[in-house]
Amino acid sequence: QAQFVESGGGSVQSGESLRLTCAGSGFPFSDEIMTWHRQAPGKPREWVATLAPGGATFYNNSVKGRFTVSRDDANNTMYLQMNSLKPEDTAVYYCQNYGSSMWGPGTQVIVSS
């Protein structure tokens, strides 16, 4: 069964950067569409970005131009480079392969103004 472990979160000031890491296991990582999601306090979980096996990327308009998703299939790892962070990016960030019902523990990102 698919498992995900997210890491790299932290507390930063507005305008700073963070890189999140997603380690996947239990499924053919290199064949899968991978996604990032986030959940802010008191709000439903929302989609952030998608990375297809061929390298195509898709982003929520709220992060487009600031976030970049990439993958290292040799190590079953996906990254989310987050630049120019804003307070509204504060959330717990999650990753999963597209269509999965499983979620990892997430990693907390706090952006202060």
PDB file of N, CA and C in Angstrom:
ATOM      1  N   GLN A   1       0.832  -1.175   0.000  1.00  0.00           N
ATOM      2  CA  GLN A   1       0.000   0.000   0.000  1.00  0.00           C
ATOM      3  C   GLN A   1       0.875   1.235   0.000  1.00  0.00           C
ATOM      4  N   ALA A   2       0.379   2.259  -0.695  1.00  0.00           N
ATOM      5  CA  ALA A   2       1.158   3.476  -0.843  1.00  0.00           C
ATOM      6  C   ALA A   2       1.350   4.162   0.495  1.00  0.00           C
ATOM      7  N   GLN A   3       2.565   4.674   0.684  1.00  0.00           N
ATOM      8  CA  GLN A   3       2.883   5.458   1.875  1.00  0.00           C
ATOM      9  C   GLN A   3       3.647   6.699   1.453  1.00  0.00           C
ATOM     10  N   PHE A   4       3.444   7.771   2.202  1.00  0.00           N
ATOM     11  CA  PHE A   4       4.083   9.046   1.898  1.00  0.00           C
ATOM     12  C   PHE A   4       4.614   9.658   3.185  1.00  0.00           C
ATOM     13  N   VAL A   5       5.806  10.239   3.098  1.00  0.00           N
ATOM     14  CA  VAL A   5       6.363  10.959   4.237  1.00  0.00           C
ATOM     15  C   VAL A   5       6.859  12.305   3.736  1.00  0.00           C
ATOM     16  N   GLU A   6       6.264  13.355   4.266  1.00  0.00           N
ATOM     17  CA  GLU A   6       6.640  14.706   3.881  1.00  0.00           C
ATOM     18  C   GLU A   6       7.585  15.302   4.919  1.00  0.00           C
ATOM     19  N   SER A   7       8.495  16.143   4.468  1.00  0.00           N
ATOM     20  CA  SER A   7       9.434  16.799   5.380  1.00  0.00           C
ATOM     21  C   SER A   7       9.873  18.124   4.784  1.00  0.00           C
ATOM     22  N   GLY A   8      10.557  18.912   5.590  1.00  0.00           N
ATOM     23  CA  GLY A   8      11.129  20.166   5.107  1.00  0.00           C
ATOM     24  C   GLY A   8      10.369  21.412   5.497  1.00  0.00           C
ATOM     25  N   GLY A   9       9.253  21.247   6.176  1.00  0.00           N
ATOM     26  CA  GLY A   9       8.496  22.415   6.600  1.00  0.00           C
ATOM     27  C   GLY A   9       9.216  23.193   7.688  1.00  0.00           C
ATOM     28  N   GLY A  10       8.661  24.346   8.026  1.00  0.00           N
ATOM     29  CA  GLY A  10       9.249  25.164   9.075  1.00  0.00           C
ATOM     30  C   GLY A  10       8.563  26.507   9.163  1.00  0.00           C
ATOM     31  N   SER A  11       9.144  27.386   9.965  1.00  0.00           N
ATOM     32  CA  SER A  11       8.625  28.741  10.135  1.00  0.00           C
ATOM     33  C   SER A  11       9.571  29.717   9.466  1.00  0.00           C
ATOM     34  N   VAL A  12       9.041  30.533   8.559  1.00  0.00           N
ATOM     35  CA  VAL A  12       9.860  31.502   7.823  1.00  0.00           C
ATOM     36  C   VAL A  12       9.133  32.836   7.772  1.00  0.00           C
ATOM     37  N   GLN A  13       9.869  33.848   7.325  1.00  0.00           N
ATOM     38  CA  GLN A  13       9.296  35.170   7.131  1.00  0.00           C
ATOM     39  C   GLN A  13       8.762  35.284   5.706  1.00  0.00           C
ATOM     40  N   SER A  14       7.840  36.176   5.525  1.00  0.00           N
ATOM     41  CA  SER A  14       7.299  36.445   4.199  1.00  0.00           C
ATOM     42  C   SER A  14       8.441  36.782   3.232  1.00  0.00           C
ATOM     43  N   GLY A  15       8.397  36.202   2.048  1.00  0.00           N
ATOM     44  CA  GLY A  15       9.423  36.422   1.040  1.00  0.00           C
ATOM     45  C   GLY A  15      10.538  35.397   1.031  1.00  0.00           C
ATOM     46  N   GLU A  16      10.610  34.590   2.074  1.00  0.00           N
ATOM     47  CA  GLU A  16      11.659  33.583   2.147  1.00  0.00           C
ATOM     48  C   GLU A  16      11.245  32.304   1.396  1.00  0.00           C
ATOM     49  N   SER A  17      12.144  31.323   1.427  1.00  0.00           N
ATOM     50  CA  SER A  17      11.935  30.086   0.667  1.00  0.00           C
ATOM     51  C   SER A  17      12.026  28.858   1.561  1.00  0.00           C
ATOM     52  N   LEU A  18      11.382  27.791   1.109  1.00  0.00           N
ATOM     53  CA  LEU A  18      11.496  26.466   1.725  1.00  0.00           C
ATOM     54  C   LEU A  18      11.455  25.430   0.614  1.00  0.00           C
ATOM     55  N   ARG A  19      12.077  24.284   0.853  1.00  0.00           N
ATOM     56  CA  ARG A  19      11.941  23.157  -0.067  1.00  0.00           C
ATOM     57  C   ARG A  19      11.386  21.974   0.708  1.00  0.00           C
ATOM     58  N   LEU A  20      10.247  21.504   0.260  1.00  0.00           N
ATOM     59  CA  LEU A  20       9.622  20.339   0.871  1.00  0.00           C
ATOM     60  C   LEU A  20      10.040  19.079   0.119  1.00  0.00           C
ATOM     61  N   THR A  21      10.093  17.983   0.845  1.00  0.00           N
ATOM     62  CA  THR A  21      10.445  16.692   0.282  1.00  0.00           C
ATOM     63  C   THR A  21       9.326  15.693   0.557  1.00  0.00           C
ATOM     64  N   CYS A  22       9.049  14.880  -0.432  1.00  0.00           N
ATOM     65  CA  CYS A  22       8.058  13.811  -0.307  1.00  0.00           C
ATOM     66  C   CYS A  22       8.733  12.495  -0.648  1.00  0.00           C
ATOM     67  N   ALA A  23       8.744  11.587   0.292  1.00  0.00           N
ATOM     68  CA  ALA A  23       9.279  10.247   0.054  1.00  0.00           C
ATOM     69  C   ALA A  23       8.108   9.289  -0.109  1.00  0.00           C
ATOM     70  N   GLY A  24       8.042   8.605  -1.258  1.00  0.00           N
ATOM     71  CA  GLY A  24       6.957   7.677  -1.523  1.00  0.00           C
ATOM     72  C   GLY A  24       7.449   6.246  -1.508  1.00  0.00           C
ATOM     73  N   SER A  25       6.572   5.321  -1.118  1.00  0.00           N
ATOM     74  CA  SER A  25       6.911   3.903  -1.134  1.00  0.00           C
ATOM     75  C   SER A  25       5.644   3.083  -1.308  1.00  0.00           C
ATOM     76  N   GLY A  26       5.825   1.826  -1.704  1.00  0.00           N
ATOM     77  CA  GLY A  26       4.695   0.920  -1.840  1.00  0.00           C
ATOM     78  C   GLY A  26       3.969   0.999  -3.165  1.00  0.00           C
ATOM     79  N   PHE A  27       4.533   1.713  -4.129  1.00  0.00           N
ATOM     80  CA  PHE A  27       3.919   1.825  -5.456  1.00  0.00           C
ATOM     81  C   PHE A  27       5.025   2.176  -6.455  1.00  0.00           C
ATOM     82  N   PRO A  28       4.772   1.983  -7.757  1.00  0.00           N
ATOM     83  CA  PRO A  28       5.798   2.275  -8.765  1.00  0.00           C
ATOM     84  C   PRO A  28       5.956   3.770  -8.971  1.00  0.00           C
ATOM     85  N   PHE A  29       6.776   4.400  -8.148  1.00  0.00           N
ATOM     86  CA  PHE A  29       6.874   5.846  -8.071  1.00  0.00           C
ATOM     87  C   PHE A  29       7.085   6.480  -9.441  1.00  0.00           C
ATOM     88  N   SER A  30       8.007   5.956 -10.217  1.00  0.00           N
ATOM     89  CA  SER A  30       8.375   6.595 -11.483  1.00  0.00           C
ATOM     90  C   SER A  30       7.244   6.575 -12.505  1.00  0.00           C
ATOM     91  N   ASP A  31       6.264   5.722 -12.326  1.00  0.00           N
ATOM     92  CA  ASP A  31       5.146   5.614 -13.272  1.00  0.00           C
ATOM     93  C   ASP A  31       3.951   6.479 -12.876  1.00  0.00           C
ATOM     94  N   GLU A  32       4.035   7.082 -11.721  1.00  0.00           N
ATOM     95  CA  GLU A  32       2.865   7.732 -11.144  1.00  0.00           C
ATOM     96  C   GLU A  32       2.848   9.252 -11.322  1.00  0.00           C
ATOM     97  N   ILE A  33       1.666   9.781 -11.541  1.00  0.00           N
ATOM     98  CA  ILE A  33       1.435  11.221 -11.421  1.00  0.00           C
ATOM     99  C   ILE A  33       1.469  11.545  -9.935  1.00  0.00           C
ATOM    100  N   MET A  34       2.301  12.503  -9.567  1.00  0.00           N
ATOM    101  CA  MET A  34       2.446  12.873  -8.160  1.00  0.00           C
ATOM    102  C   MET A  34       1.860  14.262  -7.920  1.00  0.00           C
ATOM    103  N   THR A  35       1.306  14.444  -6.734  1.00  0.00           N
ATOM    104  CA  THR A  35       0.623  15.701  -6.434  1.00  0.00           C
ATOM    105  C   THR A  35       1.013  16.229  -5.053  1.00  0.00           C
ATOM    106  N   TRP A  36       0.944  17.534  -4.917  1.00  0.00           N
ATOM    107  CA  TRP A  36       1.067  18.215  -3.632  1.00  0.00           C
ATOM    108  C   TRP A  36      -0.284  18.862  -3.306  1.00  0.00           C
ATOM    109  N   HIS A  37      -0.613  18.833  -2.026  1.00  0.00           N
ATOM    110  CA  HIS A  37      -1.826  19.457  -1.531  1.00  0.00           C
ATOM    111  C   HIS A  37      -1.482  20.196  -0.247  1.00  0.00           C
ATOM    112  N   ARG A  38      -2.380  21.049   0.210  1.00  0.00           N
ATOM    113  CA  ARG A  38      -2.161  21.728   1.486  1.00  0.00           C
ATOM    114  C   ARG A  38      -3.492  21.981   2.171  1.00  0.00           C
ATOM    115  N   GLN A  39      -3.418  22.106   3.488  1.00  0.00           N
ATOM    116  CA  GLN A  39      -4.607  22.406   4.262  1.00  0.00           C
ATOM    117  C   GLN A  39      -4.273  23.482   5.284  1.00  0.00           C
ATOM    118  N   ALA A  40      -4.884  24.633   5.102  1.00  0.00           N
ATOM    119  CA  ALA A  40      -4.710  25.736   6.029  1.00  0.00           C
ATOM    120  C   ALA A  40      -5.674  25.574   7.193  1.00  0.00           C
ATOM    121  N   PRO A  41      -5.374  26.189   8.321  1.00  0.00           N
ATOM    122  CA  PRO A  41      -6.255  26.070   9.495  1.00  0.00           C
ATOM    123  C   PRO A  41      -7.679  26.505   9.171  1.00  0.00           C
ATOM    124  N   GLY A  42      -8.631  25.630   9.489  1.00  0.00           N
ATOM    125  CA  GLY A  42     -10.033  25.958   9.292  1.00  0.00           C
ATOM    126  C   GLY A  42     -10.518  25.906   7.860  1.00  0.00           C
ATOM    127  N   LYS A  43      -9.678  25.416   6.951  1.00  0.00           N
ATOM    128  CA  LYS A  43     -10.054  25.352   5.537  1.00  0.00           C
ATOM    129  C   LYS A  43      -9.936  23.938   5.009  1.00  0.00           C
ATOM    130  N   PRO A  44     -10.650  23.622   3.936  1.00  0.00           N
ATOM    131  CA  PRO A  44     -10.519  22.287   3.361  1.00  0.00           C
ATOM    132  C   PRO A  44      -9.162  22.118   2.668  1.00  0.00           C
ATOM    133  N   ARG A  45      -8.767  20.879   2.502  1.00  0.00           N
ATOM    134  CA  ARG A  45      -7.522  20.600   1.799  1.00  0.00           C
ATOM    135  C   ARG A  45      -7.652  21.053   0.345  1.00  0.00           C
ATOM    136  N   GLU A  46      -6.593  21.658  -0.209  1.00  0.00           N
ATOM    137  CA  GLU A  46      -6.631  22.105  -1.589  1.00  0.00           C
ATOM    138  C   GLU A  46      -5.419  21.594  -2.357  1.00  0.00           C
ATOM    139  N   TRP A  47      -5.632  21.405  -3.642  1.00  0.00           N
ATOM    140  CA  TRP A  47      -4.572  20.964  -4.539  1.00  0.00           C
ATOM    141  C   TRP A  47      -3.602  22.111  -4.774  1.00  0.00           C
ATOM    142  N   VAL A  48      -2.290  21.778  -4.821  1.00  0.00           N
ATOM    143  CA  VAL A  48      -1.250  22.780  -5.042  1.00  0.00           C
ATOM    144  C   VAL A  48      -0.556  22.583  -6.380  1.00  0.00           C
ATOM    145  N   ALA A  49      -0.118  21.341  -6.650  1.00  0.00           N
ATOM    146  CA  ALA A  49       0.670  21.116  -7.861  1.00  0.00           C
ATOM    147  C   ALA A  49       0.626  19.650  -8.253  1.00  0.00           C
ATOM    148  N   THR A  50       0.857  19.415  -9.544  1.00  0.00           N
ATOM    149  CA  THR A  50       0.904  18.064 -10.099  1.00  0.00           C
ATOM    150  C   THR A  50       2.134  17.921 -10.959  1.00  0.00           C
ATOM    151  N   LEU A  51       2.767  16.752 -10.881  1.00  0.00           N
ATOM    152  CA  LEU A  51       3.944  16.455 -11.700  1.00  0.00           C
ATOM    153  C   LEU A  51       3.756  15.085 -12.336  1.00  0.00           C
ATOM    154  N   ALA A  52       3.686  15.087 -13.673  1.00  0.00           N
ATOM    155  CA  ALA A  52       3.486  13.841 -14.402  1.00  0.00           C
ATOM    156  C   ALA A  52       4.815  13.131 -14.615  1.00  0.00           C
ATOM    157  N   PRO A  53       4.777  11.832 -14.923  1.00  0.00           N
ATOM    158  CA  PRO A  53       6.020  11.080 -15.135  1.00  0.00           C
ATOM    159  C   PRO A  53       6.886  11.667 -16.247  1.00  0.00           C
ATOM    160  N   GLY A  54       6.285  12.229 -17.258  1.00  0.00           N
ATOM    161  CA  GLY A  54       7.057  12.801 -18.356  1.00  0.00           C
ATOM    162  C   GLY A  54       7.602  14.173 -18.080  1.00  0.00           C
ATOM    163  N   GLY A  55       7.260  14.737 -16.922  1.00  0.00           N
ATOM    164  CA  GLY A  55       7.775  16.041 -16.538  1.00  0.00           C
ATOM    165  C   GLY A  55       6.800  17.185 -16.640  1.00  0.00           C
ATOM    166  N   ALA A  56       5.624  16.934 -17.194  1.00  0.00           N
ATOM    167  CA  ALA A  56       4.633  18.016 -17.276  1.00  0.00           C
ATOM    168  C   ALA A  56       4.224  18.437 -15.864  1.00  0.00           C
ATOM    169  N   THR A  57       4.073  19.752 -15.678  1.00  0.00           N
ATOM    170  CA  THR A  57       3.709  20.287 -14.369  1.00  0.00           C
ATOM    171  C   THR A  57       2.468  21.161 -14.476  1.00  0.00           C
ATOM    172  N   PHE A  58       1.720  21.184 -13.402  1.00  0.00           N
ATOM    173  CA  PHE A  58       0.504  21.986 -13.314  1.00  0.00           C
ATOM    174  C   PHE A  58       0.441  22.577 -11.916  1.00  0.00           C
ATOM    175  N   TYR A  59       0.017  23.842 -11.835  1.00  0.00           N
ATOM    176  CA  TYR A  59       0.028  24.525 -10.564  1.00  0.00           C
ATOM    177  C   TYR A  59      -1.293  25.230 -10.303  1.00  0.00           C
ATOM    178  N   ASN A  60      -1.672  25.274  -9.039  1.00  0.00           N
ATOM    179  CA  ASN A  60      -2.766  26.127  -8.602  1.00  0.00           C
ATOM    180  C   ASN A  60      -2.365  27.571  -8.913  1.00  0.00           C
ATOM    181  N   ASN A  61      -3.301  28.366  -9.368  1.00  0.00           N
ATOM    182  CA  ASN A  61      -2.986  29.747  -9.728  1.00  0.00           C
ATOM    183  C   ASN A  61      -2.370  30.524  -8.561  1.00  0.00           C
ATOM    184  N   SER A  62      -2.722  30.150  -7.352  1.00  0.00           N
ATOM    185  CA  SER A  62      -2.231  30.878  -6.184  1.00  0.00           C
ATOM    186  C   SER A  62      -0.734  30.693  -5.952  1.00  0.00           C
ATOM    187  N   VAL A  63      -0.132  29.679  -6.556  1.00  0.00           N
ATOM    188  CA  VAL A  63       1.299  29.415  -6.351  1.00  0.00           C
ATOM    189  C   VAL A  63       2.095  29.488  -7.642  1.00  0.00           C
ATOM    190  N   LYS A  64       1.411  29.640  -8.755  1.00  0.00           N
ATOM    191  CA  LYS A  64       2.089  29.642 -10.052  1.00  0.00           C
ATOM    192  C   LYS A  64       3.120  30.761 -10.110  1.00  0.00           C
ATOM    193  N   GLY A  65       4.324  30.425 -10.570  1.00  0.00           N
ATOM    194  CA  GLY A  65       5.402  31.404 -10.644  1.00  0.00           C
ATOM    195  C   GLY A  65       6.240  31.489  -9.384  1.00  0.00           C
ATOM    196  N   ARG A  66       5.758  30.902  -8.300  1.00  0.00           N
ATOM    197  CA  ARG A  66       6.503  30.927  -7.031  1.00  0.00           C
ATOM    198  C   ARG A  66       6.946  29.538  -6.591  1.00  0.00           C
ATOM    199  N   PHE A  67       6.153  28.528  -6.891  1.00  0.00           N
ATOM    200  CA  PHE A  67       6.445  27.150  -6.496  1.00  0.00           C
ATOM    201  C   PHE A  67       6.888  26.352  -7.715  1.00  0.00           C
ATOM    202  N   THR A  68       7.817  25.419  -7.491  1.00  0.00           N
ATOM    203  CA  THR A  68       8.283  24.530  -8.551  1.00  0.00           C
ATOM    204  C   THR A  68       8.337  23.112  -8.021  1.00  0.00           C
ATOM    205  N   VAL A  69       7.712  22.200  -8.737  1.00  0.00           N
ATOM    206  CA  VAL A  69       7.701  20.797  -8.332  1.00  0.00           C
ATOM    207  C   VAL A  69       8.689  20.025  -9.200  1.00  0.00           C
ATOM    208  N   SER A  70       9.391  19.085  -8.589  1.00  0.00           N
ATOM    209  CA  SER A  70      10.349  18.248  -9.320  1.00  0.00           C
ATOM    210  C   SER A  70      10.388  16.868  -8.673  1.00  0.00           C
ATOM    211  N   ARG A  71      11.057  15.948  -9.349  1.00  0.00           N
ATOM    212  CA  ARG A  71      11.084  14.581  -8.819  1.00  0.00           C
ATOM    213  C   ARG A  71      12.434  13.941  -9.070  1.00  0.00           C
ATOM    214  N   ASP A  72      12.777  12.985  -8.212  1.00  0.00           N
ATOM    215  CA  ASP A  72      13.974  12.160  -8.351  1.00  0.00           C
ATOM    216  C   ASP A  72      13.489  10.715  -8.299  1.00  0.00           C
ATOM    217  N   ASP A  73      13.177  10.177  -9.462  1.00  0.00           N
ATOM    218  CA  ASP A  73      12.583   8.839  -9.508  1.00  0.00           C
ATOM    219  C   ASP A  73      13.528   7.767  -8.984  1.00  0.00           C
ATOM    220  N   ALA A  74      14.823   7.982  -9.118  1.00  0.00           N
ATOM    221  CA  ALA A  74      15.783   6.988  -8.633  1.00  0.00           C
ATOM    222  C   ALA A  74      15.680   6.799  -7.129  1.00  0.00           C
ATOM    223  N   ASN A  75      15.219   7.841  -6.449  1.00  0.00           N
ATOM    224  CA  ASN A  75      15.106   7.786  -4.995  1.00  0.00           C
ATOM    225  C   ASN A  75      13.665   7.892  -4.513  1.00  0.00           C
ATOM    226  N   ASN A  76      12.718   7.710  -5.438  1.00  0.00           N
ATOM    227  CA  ASN A  76      11.287   7.754  -5.068  1.00  0.00           C
ATOM    228  C   ASN A  76      10.965   9.013  -4.264  1.00  0.00           C
ATOM    229  N   THR A  77      11.436  10.134  -4.761  1.00  0.00           N
ATOM    230  CA  THR A  77      11.301  11.389  -4.027  1.00  0.00           C
ATOM    231  C   THR A  77      10.769  12.489  -4.935  1.00  0.00           C
ATOM    232  N   MET A  78       9.941  13.337  -4.354  1.00  0.00           N
ATOM    233  CA  MET A  78       9.427  14.506  -5.052  1.00  0.00           C
ATOM    234  C   MET A  78       9.718  15.727  -4.181  1.00  0.00           C
ATOM    235  N   TYR A  79       9.918  16.850  -4.837  1.00  0.00           N
ATOM    236  CA  TYR A  79      10.235  18.076  -4.119  1.00  0.00           C
ATOM    237  C   TYR A  79       9.231  19.176  -4.471  1.00  0.00           C
ATOM    238  N   LEU A  80       9.084  20.108  -3.562  1.00  0.00           N
ATOM    239  CA  LEU A  80       8.321  21.325  -3.834  1.00  0.00           C
ATOM    240  C   LEU A  80       9.168  22.509  -3.364  1.00  0.00           C
ATOM    241  N   GLN A  81       9.741  23.223  -4.330  1.00  0.00           N
ATOM    242  CA  GLN A  81      10.509  24.422  -4.027  1.00  0.00           C
ATOM    243  C   GLN A  81       9.534  25.586  -3.933  1.00  0.00           C
ATOM    244  N   MET A  82       9.498  26.212  -2.785  1.00  0.00           N
ATOM    245  CA  MET A  82       8.558  27.304  -2.540  1.00  0.00           C
ATOM    246  C   MET A  82       9.334  28.595  -2.319  1.00  0.00           C
ATOM    247  N   ASN A  83       9.195  29.522  -3.231  1.00  0.00           N
ATOM    248  CA  ASN A  83       9.866  30.817  -3.156  1.00  0.00           C
ATOM    249  C   ASN A  83       8.845  31.926  -2.914  1.00  0.00           C
ATOM    250  N   SER A  84       9.340  33.066  -2.490  1.00  0.00           N
ATOM    251  CA  SER A  84       8.482  34.239  -2.258  1.00  0.00           C
ATOM    252  C   SER A  84       7.252  33.865  -1.432  1.00  0.00           C
ATOM    253  N   LEU A  85       7.491  33.179  -0.349  1.00  0.00           N
ATOM    254  CA  LEU A  85       6.383  32.690   0.464  1.00  0.00           C
ATOM    255  C   LEU A  85       5.577  33.834   1.048  1.00  0.00           C
ATOM    256  N   LYS A  86       4.286  33.596   1.173  1.00  0.00           N
ATOM    257  CA  LYS A  86       3.348  34.574   1.701  1.00  0.00           C
ATOM    258  C   LYS A  86       2.640  33.992   2.933  1.00  0.00           C
ATOM    259  N   PRO A  87       2.116  34.839   3.805  1.00  0.00           N
ATOM    260  CA  PRO A  87       1.390  34.309   4.967  1.00  0.00           C
ATOM    261  C   PRO A  87       0.250  33.372   4.576  1.00  0.00           C
ATOM    262  N   GLU A  88      -0.378  33.606   3.441  1.00  0.00           N
ATOM    263  CA  GLU A  88      -1.482  32.740   3.003  1.00  0.00           C
ATOM    264  C   GLU A  88      -1.019  31.367   2.542  1.00  0.00           C
ATOM    265  N   ASP A  89       0.303  31.155   2.469  1.00  0.00           N
ATOM    266  CA  ASP A  89       0.832  29.815   2.171  1.00  0.00           C
ATOM    267  C   ASP A  89       0.924  28.961   3.432  1.00  0.00           C
ATOM    268  N   THR A  90       0.659  29.543   4.580  1.00  0.00           N
ATOM    269  CA  THR A  90       0.690  28.787   5.828  1.00  0.00           C
ATOM    270  C   THR A  90      -0.322  27.653   5.786  1.00  0.00           C
ATOM    271  N   ALA A  91       0.169  26.432   5.991  1.00  0.00           N
ATOM    272  CA  ALA A  91      -0.673  25.245   5.889  1.00  0.00           C
ATOM    273  C   ALA A  91       0.165  24.011   6.224  1.00  0.00           C
ATOM    274  N   VAL A  92      -0.527  22.900   6.368  1.00  0.00           N
ATOM    275  CA  VAL A  92       0.156  21.608   6.387  1.00  0.00           C
ATOM    276  C   VAL A  92       0.168  21.092   4.952  1.00  0.00           C
ATOM    277  N   TYR A  93       1.329  20.706   4.482  1.00  0.00           N
ATOM    278  CA  TYR A  93       1.509  20.272   3.097  1.00  0.00           C
ATOM    279  C   TYR A  93       1.614  18.747   3.036  1.00  0.00           C
ATOM    280  N   TYR A  94       0.915  18.183   2.052  1.00  0.00           N
ATOM    281  CA  TYR A  94       0.845  16.741   1.871  1.00  0.00           C
ATOM    282  C   TYR A  94       1.192  16.370   0.425  1.00  0.00           C
ATOM    283  N   CYS A  95       1.685  15.154   0.242  1.00  0.00           N
ATOM    284  CA  CYS A  95       1.880  14.652  -1.111  1.00  0.00           C
ATOM    285  C   CYS A  95       1.185  13.292  -1.242  1.00  0.00           C
ATOM    286  N   GLN A  96       0.909  12.932  -2.475  1.00  0.00           N
ATOM    287  CA  GLN A  96       0.376  11.600  -2.756  1.00  0.00           C
ATOM    288  C   GLN A  96       0.448  11.345  -4.250  1.00  0.00           C
ATOM    289  N   ASN A  97       0.325  10.073  -4.635  1.00  0.00           N
ATOM    290  CA  ASN A  97       0.203   9.785  -6.060  1.00  0.00           C
ATOM    291  C   ASN A  97      -1.259   9.981  -6.444  1.00  0.00           C
ATOM    292  N   TYR A  98      -1.471  10.426  -7.668  1.00  0.00           N
ATOM    293  CA  TYR A  98      -2.799  10.807  -8.124  1.00  0.00           C
ATOM    294  C   TYR A  98      -3.799   9.663  -7.947  1.00  0.00           C
ATOM    295  N   GLY A  99      -4.906   9.946  -7.324  1.00  0.00           N
ATOM    296  CA  GLY A  99      -5.954   8.962  -7.153  1.00  0.00           C
ATOM    297  C   GLY A  99      -5.846   8.134  -5.890  1.00  0.00           C
ATOM    298  N   SER A 100      -4.766   8.308  -5.156  1.00  0.00           N
ATOM    299  CA  SER A 100      -4.598   7.540  -3.923  1.00  0.00           C
ATOM    300  C   SER A 100      -5.573   8.010  -2.860  1.00  0.00           C
ATOM    301  N   SER A 101      -5.947   7.089  -1.981  1.00  0.00           N
ATOM    302  CA  SER A 101      -6.781   7.453  -0.835  1.00  0.00           C
ATOM    303  C   SER A 101      -5.936   7.626   0.422  1.00  0.00           C
ATOM    304  N   MET A 102      -4.625   7.423   0.286  1.00  0.00           N
ATOM    305  CA  MET A 102      -3.745   7.493   1.442  1.00  0.00           C
ATOM    306  C   MET A 102      -3.145   8.881   1.581  1.00  0.00           C
ATOM    307  N   TRP A 103      -2.896   9.263   2.811  1.00  0.00           N
ATOM    308  CA  TRP A 103      -2.234  10.525   3.112  1.00  0.00           C
ATOM    309  C   TRP A 103      -1.124  10.275   4.122  1.00  0.00           C
ATOM    310  N   GLY A 104      -0.048  11.025   3.978  1.00  0.00           N
ATOM    311  CA  GLY A 104       1.015  10.976   4.960  1.00  0.00           C
ATOM    312  C   GLY A 104       0.714  11.923   6.108  1.00  0.00           C
ATOM    313  N   PRO A 105       1.673  12.092   7.002  1.00  0.00           N
ATOM    314  CA  PRO A 105       1.466  12.969   8.163  1.00  0.00           C
ATOM    315  C   PRO A 105       1.495  14.448   7.809  1.00  0.00           C
ATOM    316  N   GLY A 106       2.069  14.783   6.653  1.00  0.00           N
ATOM    317  CA  GLY A 106       2.175  16.178   6.260  1.00  0.00           C
ATOM    318  C   GLY A 106       3.345  16.865   6.935  1.00  0.00           C
ATOM    319  N   THR A 107       3.666  18.063   6.442  1.00  0.00           N
ATOM    320  CA  THR A 107       4.711  18.883   7.040  1.00  0.00           C
ATOM    321  C   THR A 107       4.190  20.315   7.149  1.00  0.00           C
ATOM    322  N   GLN A 108       4.391  20.910   8.299  1.00  0.00           N
ATOM    323  CA  GLN A 108       3.814  22.222   8.602  1.00  0.00           C
ATOM    324  C   GLN A 108       4.687  23.342   8.046  1.00  0.00           C
ATOM    325  N   VAL A 109       4.049  24.264   7.363  1.00  0.00           N
ATOM    326  CA  VAL A 109       4.712  25.480   6.880  1.00  0.00           C
ATOM    327  C   VAL A 109       4.004  26.679   7.506  1.00  0.00           C
ATOM    328  N   ILE A 110       4.784  27.534   8.155  1.00  0.00           N
ATOM    329  CA  ILE A 110       4.248  28.752   8.756  1.00  0.00           C
ATOM    330  C   ILE A 110       5.009  29.941   8.186  1.00  0.00           C
ATOM    331  N   VAL A 111       4.281  30.866   7.611  1.00  0.00           N
ATOM    332  CA  VAL A 111       4.894  32.060   7.023  1.00  0.00           C
ATOM    333  C   VAL A 111       4.375  33.283   7.769  1.00  0.00           C
ATOM    334  N   SER A 112       5.298  34.007   8.360  1.00  0.00           N
ATOM    335  CA  SER A 112       4.943  35.194   9.140  1.00  0.00           C
ATOM    336  C   SER A 112       5.189  36.449   8.328  1.00  0.00           C
ATOM    337  N   SER A 113       4.334  37.428   8.521  1.00  0.00           N
ATOM    338  CA  SER A 113       4.477  38.687   7.779  1.00  0.00           C
ATOM    339  C   SER A 113       5.452  39.621   8.472  1.00  0.00           C
TER     340      SER A 113
END
